Structures are given as C-alpha cells and as structure tokens.
Amino acid sequence: MRQKTKDKKKKEEVEVKNNAESLVYSSQKTLDELGDKISGEEKAKVETEIENVKKALETNNTETIKDATEKLTQAFYQISEQLYKANAQNGATSSETDTNGGENTTNDGNVYDADYKVEDDNNDK
C-alpha cells in the first residue's frame, strides 16, 4: 500500500515539474514572439514569474512549484487578455474590409467562380 502512495506522489512531482518546465518554455517563446506588442512593464512581470518558476524547480518542492506556476499562469493570462482585446479592436476594422465572403475578386469588382476536380495520383485500389 505504501508503494502505491509513493508512486502516486512521485508521479505528481514529475507531472508538476513537467508542467512548470513546459509553461516556462512556452511563456518565454511567446514573449520573444510578441516583441513590442506588450509594454516593458508587462514583459518584465512575466519574466520575473518565469524566473520564480525556475527557482522553484530547483527546490524540488511540489507545492512551491505549483504556487510559482500558478502565478506565472495568471500573469500570462493577463497579457493574453490585453492582447486579445487589442486584436479585437484592430480586427473590427480589418474584418470590415473582407466583405466578399472569401471569394476571389479583383480591383474591378469581378467575381470569378471556379470549379475544380480532385484527382488522386495513388490509384492503388
């Protein structure tokens, strides 16, 4: 019975660590991709939380890692929400320009409707 408890605890530790490491990687990658789309203050806040998770990982304390991961998640959600709002505002103006329903049009206003036939080169039936 004790072995199951130890295994369960070990499994949880590994999952918590993997989750934290994955979150650190994806957060850092996203920050790098966002570049100047977020303020320096917001970026610094997430970078601080990333460092806190890295330090927590060094402790091997599951609860410390969970707490740090949760704080990073919250900081990242705040940035994501702000970006979503900014994109929604920008998207409202850009979606108005795509009113042709996705059909191919040229500047002269002509719409070209084309049919196509899918041919399978692999006739191995």
N, C-alpha and C. Protein backbone atom coordinates (compact mmCIF):
# COMPACT_ATOMS: atom_id res chain seq x y z
N MET A 1 0.82 -1.19 0.00
CA MET A 1 0.00 0.00 0.00
C MET A 1 0.86 1.26 0.00
N ARG A 2 1.95 1.22 0.77
CA ARG A 2 2.84 2.38 0.80
C ARG A 2 3.47 2.65 -0.56
N GLN A 3 3.75 1.59 -1.28
CA GLN A 3 4.38 1.73 -2.59
C GLN A 3 3.48 2.51 -3.54
N LYS A 4 2.18 2.24 -3.49
CA LYS A 4 1.23 2.97 -4.34
C LYS A 4 1.22 4.45 -3.99
N THR A 5 1.27 4.75 -2.71
CA THR A 5 1.29 6.14 -2.26
C THR A 5 2.56 6.83 -2.73
N LYS A 6 3.69 6.14 -2.59
CA LYS A 6 4.97 6.71 -3.05
C LYS A 6 4.95 6.93 -4.55
N ASP A 7 4.43 5.94 -5.28
CA ASP A 7 4.37 6.06 -6.74
C ASP A 7 3.47 7.21 -7.17
N LYS A 8 2.34 7.34 -6.48
CA LYS A 8 1.41 8.41 -6.80
C LYS A 8 2.05 9.77 -6.54
N LYS A 9 2.74 9.87 -5.41
CA LYS A 9 3.41 11.13 -5.06
C LYS A 9 4.51 11.45 -6.08
N LYS A 10 5.28 10.45 -6.44
CA LYS A 10 6.36 10.65 -7.41
C LYS A 10 5.78 11.07 -8.77
N LYS A 11 4.68 10.43 -9.16
CA LYS A 11 4.03 10.78 -10.42
C LYS A 11 3.58 12.23 -10.41
N GLU A 12 2.98 12.65 -9.30
CA GLU A 12 2.53 14.04 -9.18
C GLU A 12 3.71 15.00 -9.26
N GLU A 13 4.82 14.66 -8.59
CA GLU A 13 6.01 15.51 -8.63
C GLU A 13 6.51 15.67 -10.06
N VAL A 14 6.56 14.57 -10.78
CA VAL A 14 7.04 14.61 -12.17
C VAL A 14 6.10 15.43 -13.03
N GLU A 15 4.79 15.23 -12.86
CA GLU A 15 3.81 15.99 -13.65
C GLU A 15 3.88 17.48 -13.37
N VAL A 16 4.02 17.83 -12.10
CA VAL A 16 4.11 19.24 -11.71
C VAL A 16 5.37 19.87 -12.32
N LYS A 17 6.48 19.16 -12.24
CA LYS A 17 7.73 19.67 -12.81
C LYS A 17 7.62 19.82 -14.32
N ASN A 18 7.08 18.81 -14.98
CA ASN A 18 6.93 18.87 -16.44
C ASN A 18 6.02 20.01 -16.86
N ASN A 19 4.93 20.18 -16.13
CA ASN A 19 4.01 21.26 -16.43
C ASN A 19 4.71 22.62 -16.27
N ALA A 20 5.46 22.76 -15.20
CA ALA A 20 6.17 24.02 -14.95
C ALA A 20 7.22 24.30 -16.03
N GLU A 21 7.99 23.29 -16.38
CA GLU A 21 9.01 23.46 -17.41
C GLU A 21 8.38 23.81 -18.75
N SER A 22 7.28 23.15 -19.07
CA SER A 22 6.57 23.43 -20.32
C SER A 22 6.03 24.86 -20.34
N LEU A 23 5.47 25.29 -19.21
CA LEU A 23 4.93 26.64 -19.11
C LEU A 23 6.04 27.69 -19.25
N VAL A 24 7.18 27.43 -18.63
CA VAL A 24 8.32 28.35 -18.74
C VAL A 24 8.74 28.46 -20.20
N TYR A 25 8.87 27.33 -20.87
CA TYR A 25 9.30 27.33 -22.27
C TYR A 25 8.30 28.08 -23.15
N SER A 26 7.02 27.74 -23.03
CA SER A 26 6.03 28.37 -23.90
C SER A 26 5.87 29.86 -23.59
N SER A 27 5.97 30.23 -22.32
CA SER A 27 5.86 31.64 -21.95
C SER A 27 7.03 32.44 -22.52
N GLN A 28 8.24 31.90 -22.39
CA GLN A 28 9.41 32.58 -22.92
C GLN A 28 9.33 32.72 -24.44
N LYS A 29 8.91 31.66 -25.08
CA LYS A 29 8.79 31.67 -26.54
C LYS A 29 7.75 32.71 -26.98
N THR A 30 6.63 32.75 -26.30
CA THR A 30 5.59 33.71 -26.64
C THR A 30 6.06 35.14 -26.39
N LEU A 31 6.76 35.37 -25.30
CA LEU A 31 7.30 36.71 -25.03
C LEU A 31 8.24 37.14 -26.15
N ASP A 32 9.09 36.22 -26.59
CA ASP A 32 10.02 36.53 -27.66
C ASP A 32 9.29 36.87 -28.95
N GLU A 33 8.19 36.15 -29.22
CA GLU A 33 7.43 36.37 -30.44
C GLU A 33 6.63 37.67 -30.39
N LEU A 34 6.17 38.05 -29.20
CA LEU A 34 5.34 39.25 -29.06
C LEU A 34 6.15 40.52 -29.28
N GLY A 35 7.39 40.48 -28.85
CA GLY A 35 8.25 41.63 -29.05
C GLY A 35 7.67 42.90 -28.47
N ASP A 36 7.38 43.87 -29.34
CA ASP A 36 6.93 45.19 -28.89
C ASP A 36 5.42 45.31 -28.77
N LYS A 37 4.70 44.20 -28.87
CA LYS A 37 3.24 44.26 -28.77
C LYS A 37 2.76 44.41 -27.33
N ILE A 38 3.67 44.20 -26.37
CA ILE A 38 3.32 44.40 -24.97
C ILE A 38 4.30 45.40 -24.36
N SER A 39 3.88 46.02 -23.28
CA SER A 39 4.73 47.03 -22.65
C SER A 39 5.89 46.36 -21.93
N GLY A 40 6.92 47.13 -21.68
CA GLY A 40 8.08 46.62 -20.97
C GLY A 40 7.73 46.18 -19.56
N GLU A 41 6.78 46.87 -18.95
CA GLU A 41 6.34 46.53 -17.60
C GLU A 41 5.67 45.15 -17.57
N GLU A 42 4.79 44.91 -18.53
CA GLU A 42 4.10 43.61 -18.61
C GLU A 42 5.10 42.49 -18.89
N LYS A 43 6.01 42.77 -19.80
CA LYS A 43 7.02 41.77 -20.15
C LYS A 43 7.90 41.45 -18.93
N ALA A 44 8.29 42.48 -18.20
CA ALA A 44 9.13 42.30 -17.01
C ALA A 44 8.40 41.48 -15.95
N LYS A 45 7.10 41.69 -15.82
CA LYS A 45 6.32 40.96 -14.83
C LYS A 45 6.32 39.45 -15.16
N VAL A 46 6.10 39.13 -16.42
CA VAL A 46 6.09 37.72 -16.82
C VAL A 46 7.49 37.13 -16.69
N GLU A 47 8.52 37.89 -17.08
CA GLU A 47 9.89 37.40 -16.96
C GLU A 47 10.25 37.12 -15.50
N THR A 48 9.77 37.97 -14.59
CA THR A 48 10.00 37.75 -13.17
C THR A 48 9.35 36.45 -12.71
N GLU A 49 8.12 36.22 -13.16
CA GLU A 49 7.41 34.99 -12.79
C GLU A 49 8.08 33.76 -13.40
N ILE A 50 8.63 33.91 -14.61
CA ILE A 50 9.37 32.80 -15.23
C ILE A 50 10.57 32.45 -14.36
N GLU A 51 11.31 33.47 -13.92
CA GLU A 51 12.47 33.23 -13.06
C GLU A 51 12.05 32.59 -11.73
N ASN A 52 10.91 33.02 -11.20
CA ASN A 52 10.42 32.43 -9.95
C ASN A 52 10.11 30.94 -10.13
N VAL A 53 9.54 30.58 -11.27
CA VAL A 53 9.25 29.16 -11.53
C VAL A 53 10.56 28.39 -11.66
N LYS A 54 11.54 28.96 -12.34
CA LYS A 54 12.83 28.28 -12.48
C LYS A 54 13.47 28.04 -11.10
N LYS A 55 13.39 29.05 -10.23
CA LYS A 55 13.94 28.90 -8.87
C LYS A 55 13.15 27.84 -8.09
N ALA A 56 11.84 27.84 -8.27
CA ALA A 56 11.01 26.85 -7.58
C ALA A 56 11.35 25.44 -8.05
N LEU A 57 11.64 25.29 -9.32
CA LEU A 57 12.02 23.98 -9.85
C LEU A 57 13.29 23.46 -9.20
N GLU A 58 14.19 24.37 -8.87
CA GLU A 58 15.44 23.98 -8.22
C GLU A 58 15.22 23.45 -6.81
N THR A 59 14.12 23.86 -6.18
CA THR A 59 13.84 23.42 -4.81
C THR A 59 13.31 22.00 -4.75
N ASN A 60 12.75 21.52 -5.85
CA ASN A 60 12.11 20.20 -5.90
C ASN A 60 10.94 20.08 -4.92
N ASN A 61 10.39 21.20 -4.50
CA ASN A 61 9.23 21.21 -3.61
C ASN A 61 7.98 21.38 -4.47
N THR A 62 7.15 20.35 -4.48
CA THR A 62 5.98 20.34 -5.36
C THR A 62 5.06 21.52 -5.11
N GLU A 63 4.79 21.84 -3.86
CA GLU A 63 3.88 22.96 -3.54
C GLU A 63 4.47 24.30 -3.98
N THR A 64 5.76 24.48 -3.80
CA THR A 64 6.42 25.72 -4.23
C THR A 64 6.33 25.85 -5.74
N ILE A 65 6.54 24.75 -6.44
CA ILE A 65 6.47 24.76 -7.90
C ILE A 65 5.05 25.06 -8.35
N LYS A 66 4.07 24.44 -7.70
CA LYS A 66 2.67 24.70 -8.05
C LYS A 66 2.31 26.17 -7.88
N ASP A 67 2.72 26.75 -6.74
CA ASP A 67 2.42 28.15 -6.47
C ASP A 67 3.06 29.07 -7.51
N ALA A 68 4.32 28.83 -7.81
CA ALA A 68 5.02 29.66 -8.80
C ALA A 68 4.40 29.50 -10.19
N THR A 69 4.02 28.28 -10.53
CA THR A 69 3.40 28.02 -11.83
C THR A 69 2.07 28.75 -11.94
N GLU A 70 1.30 28.73 -10.86
CA GLU A 70 0.00 29.42 -10.86
C GLU A 70 0.18 30.93 -11.05
N LYS A 71 1.18 31.50 -10.38
CA LYS A 71 1.43 32.94 -10.53
C LYS A 71 1.86 33.29 -11.96
N LEU A 72 2.69 32.45 -12.55
CA LEU A 72 3.09 32.68 -13.94
C LEU A 72 1.89 32.56 -14.87
N THR A 73 1.07 31.57 -14.63
CA THR A 73 -0.13 31.39 -15.45
C THR A 73 -1.02 32.62 -15.38
N GLN A 74 -1.23 33.15 -14.18
CA GLN A 74 -2.07 34.35 -14.03
C GLN A 74 -1.47 35.56 -14.73
N ALA A 75 -0.17 35.75 -14.60
CA ALA A 75 0.50 36.87 -15.26
C ALA A 75 0.38 36.74 -16.78
N PHE A 76 0.52 35.51 -17.24
CA PHE A 76 0.45 35.27 -18.68
C PHE A 76 -0.97 35.47 -19.20
N TYR A 77 -1.96 35.06 -18.42
CA TYR A 77 -3.36 35.26 -18.81
C TYR A 77 -3.69 36.74 -18.93
N GLN A 78 -3.14 37.55 -18.03
CA GLN A 78 -3.40 38.99 -18.09
C GLN A 78 -2.88 39.59 -19.40
N ILE A 79 -1.68 39.18 -19.79
CA ILE A 79 -1.12 39.67 -21.05
C ILE A 79 -1.95 39.17 -22.22
N SER A 80 -2.32 37.91 -22.18
CA SER A 80 -3.12 37.33 -23.26
C SER A 80 -4.45 38.05 -23.42
N GLU A 81 -5.06 38.38 -22.30
CA GLU A 81 -6.34 39.08 -22.33
C GLU A 81 -6.18 40.47 -22.95
N GLN A 82 -5.12 41.17 -22.58
CA GLN A 82 -4.88 42.50 -23.14
C GLN A 82 -4.62 42.43 -24.64
N LEU A 83 -3.84 41.42 -25.06
CA LEU A 83 -3.58 41.25 -26.48
C LEU A 83 -4.85 40.92 -27.24
N TYR A 84 -5.70 40.09 -26.64
CA TYR A 84 -6.96 39.71 -27.27
C TYR A 84 -7.83 40.94 -27.47
N LYS A 85 -7.91 41.77 -26.44
CA LYS A 85 -8.72 42.98 -26.54
C LYS A 85 -8.17 43.91 -27.63
N ALA A 86 -6.85 44.06 -27.67
CA ALA A 86 -6.24 44.92 -28.68
C ALA A 86 -6.49 44.37 -30.09
N ASN A 87 -6.37 43.06 -30.24
CA ASN A 87 -6.62 42.45 -31.54
C ASN A 87 -8.09 42.52 -31.92
N ALA A 88 -8.97 42.44 -30.96
CA ALA A 88 -10.40 42.53 -31.24
C ALA A 88 -10.74 43.93 -31.77
N GLN A 89 -10.11 44.94 -31.18
CA GLN A 89 -10.34 46.31 -31.65
C GLN A 89 -9.77 46.49 -33.05
N ASN A 90 -8.57 45.99 -33.27
CA ASN A 90 -7.95 46.09 -34.59
C ASN A 90 -8.68 45.21 -35.60
N GLY A 91 -9.16 44.06 -35.15
CA GLY A 91 -9.84 43.12 -36.02
C GLY A 91 -11.16 43.66 -36.52
N ALA A 92 -11.82 44.52 -35.75
CA ALA A 92 -13.10 45.08 -36.16
C ALA A 92 -12.92 45.91 -37.42
N THR A 93 -11.83 46.62 -37.53
CA THR A 93 -11.62 47.44 -38.71
C THR A 93 -11.15 46.59 -39.89
N SER A 94 -10.33 45.58 -39.64
CA SER A 94 -9.83 44.79 -40.75
C SER A 94 -10.88 43.81 -41.26
N SER A 95 -11.82 43.37 -40.42
CA SER A 95 -12.84 42.45 -40.89
C SER A 95 -13.85 43.15 -41.79
N GLU A 96 -13.99 44.46 -41.64
CA GLU A 96 -14.90 45.20 -42.50
C GLU A 96 -14.40 45.23 -43.94
N THR A 97 -13.11 45.08 -44.13
CA THR A 97 -12.57 45.13 -45.48
C THR A 97 -12.76 43.81 -46.21
N ASP A 98 -13.01 42.71 -45.51
CA ASP A 98 -13.19 41.40 -46.14
C ASP A 98 -14.67 41.05 -46.17
N THR A 99 -15.42 41.77 -47.02
CA THR A 99 -16.86 41.56 -47.08
C THR A 99 -17.28 40.74 -48.29
N ASN A 100 -16.34 40.21 -49.04
CA ASN A 100 -16.69 39.48 -50.24
C ASN A 100 -16.93 38.00 -49.99
N GLY A 101 -16.98 37.57 -48.75
CA GLY A 101 -17.28 36.19 -48.43
C GLY A 101 -16.16 35.24 -48.76
N GLY A 102 -14.97 35.72 -48.95
CA GLY A 102 -13.84 34.85 -49.22
C GLY A 102 -13.67 34.49 -50.69
N GLU A 103 -14.54 35.00 -51.56
CA GLU A 103 -14.41 34.71 -52.99
C GLU A 103 -13.30 35.55 -53.59
N ASN A 104 -12.72 35.06 -54.68
CA ASN A 104 -11.66 35.80 -55.34
C ASN A 104 -12.25 36.98 -56.11
N THR A 105 -11.77 38.16 -55.80
CA THR A 105 -12.19 39.33 -56.54
C THR A 105 -10.96 40.11 -56.94
N THR A 106 -11.11 40.87 -57.98
CA THR A 106 -10.04 41.76 -58.39
C THR A 106 -10.49 43.18 -58.11
N ASN A 107 -9.63 44.13 -58.35
CA ASN A 107 -9.96 45.52 -58.06
C ASN A 107 -11.12 46.04 -58.92
N ASP A 108 -11.42 45.38 -60.05
CA ASP A 108 -12.51 45.84 -60.89
C ASP A 108 -13.87 45.32 -60.42
N GLY A 109 -13.90 44.55 -59.35
CA GLY A 109 -15.16 44.09 -58.79
C GLY A 109 -15.70 42.81 -59.39
N ASN A 110 -15.02 42.23 -60.35
CA ASN A 110 -15.50 40.98 -60.94
C ASN A 110 -15.25 39.82 -60.01
N VAL A 111 -16.21 38.93 -59.94
CA VAL A 111 -16.09 37.73 -59.12
C VAL A 111 -15.92 36.55 -60.05
N TYR A 112 -14.93 35.73 -59.77
CA TYR A 112 -14.67 34.56 -60.60
C TYR A 112 -14.98 33.31 -59.79
N ASP A 113 -15.92 32.53 -60.28
CA ASP A 113 -16.29 31.29 -59.62
C ASP A 113 -15.66 30.16 -60.42
N ALA A 114 -14.91 29.29 -59.76
CA ALA A 114 -14.22 28.22 -60.48
C ALA A 114 -14.53 26.88 -59.84
N ASP A 115 -14.70 25.87 -60.67
CA ASP A 115 -14.86 24.50 -60.19
C ASP A 115 -13.54 23.79 -60.37
N TYR A 116 -13.31 22.80 -59.55
CA TYR A 116 -12.09 22.03 -59.71
C TYR A 116 -12.39 20.57 -59.39
N LYS A 117 -11.56 19.72 -59.91
CA LYS A 117 -11.73 18.28 -59.71
C LYS A 117 -10.47 17.77 -59.02
N VAL A 118 -10.66 17.04 -57.92
CA VAL A 118 -9.54 16.46 -57.21
C VAL A 118 -9.22 15.13 -57.85
N GLU A 119 -7.99 14.98 -58.28
CA GLU A 119 -7.54 13.74 -58.87
C GLU A 119 -6.52 13.11 -57.95
N ASP A 120 -6.71 11.83 -57.70
CA ASP A 120 -5.81 11.09 -56.82
C ASP A 120 -4.77 10.37 -57.65
N ASP A 121 -3.50 10.71 -57.44
CA ASP A 121 -2.42 10.05 -58.18
C ASP A 121 -2.17 8.64 -57.69
N ASN A 122 -2.65 8.33 -56.52
CA ASN A 122 -2.44 7.00 -55.94
C ASN A 122 -3.64 6.12 -56.19
N ASN A 123 -3.72 5.50 -57.32
CA ASN A 123 -4.81 4.60 -57.66
C ASN A 123 -4.43 3.17 -57.36
N ASP A 124 -4.16 2.91 -56.10
CA ASP A 124 -3.68 1.58 -55.69
C ASP A 124 -4.83 0.70 -55.20
N LYS A 125 -6.00 0.87 -55.71
CA LYS A 125 -7.16 0.11 -55.21
C LYS A 125 -7.20 -1.29 -55.73
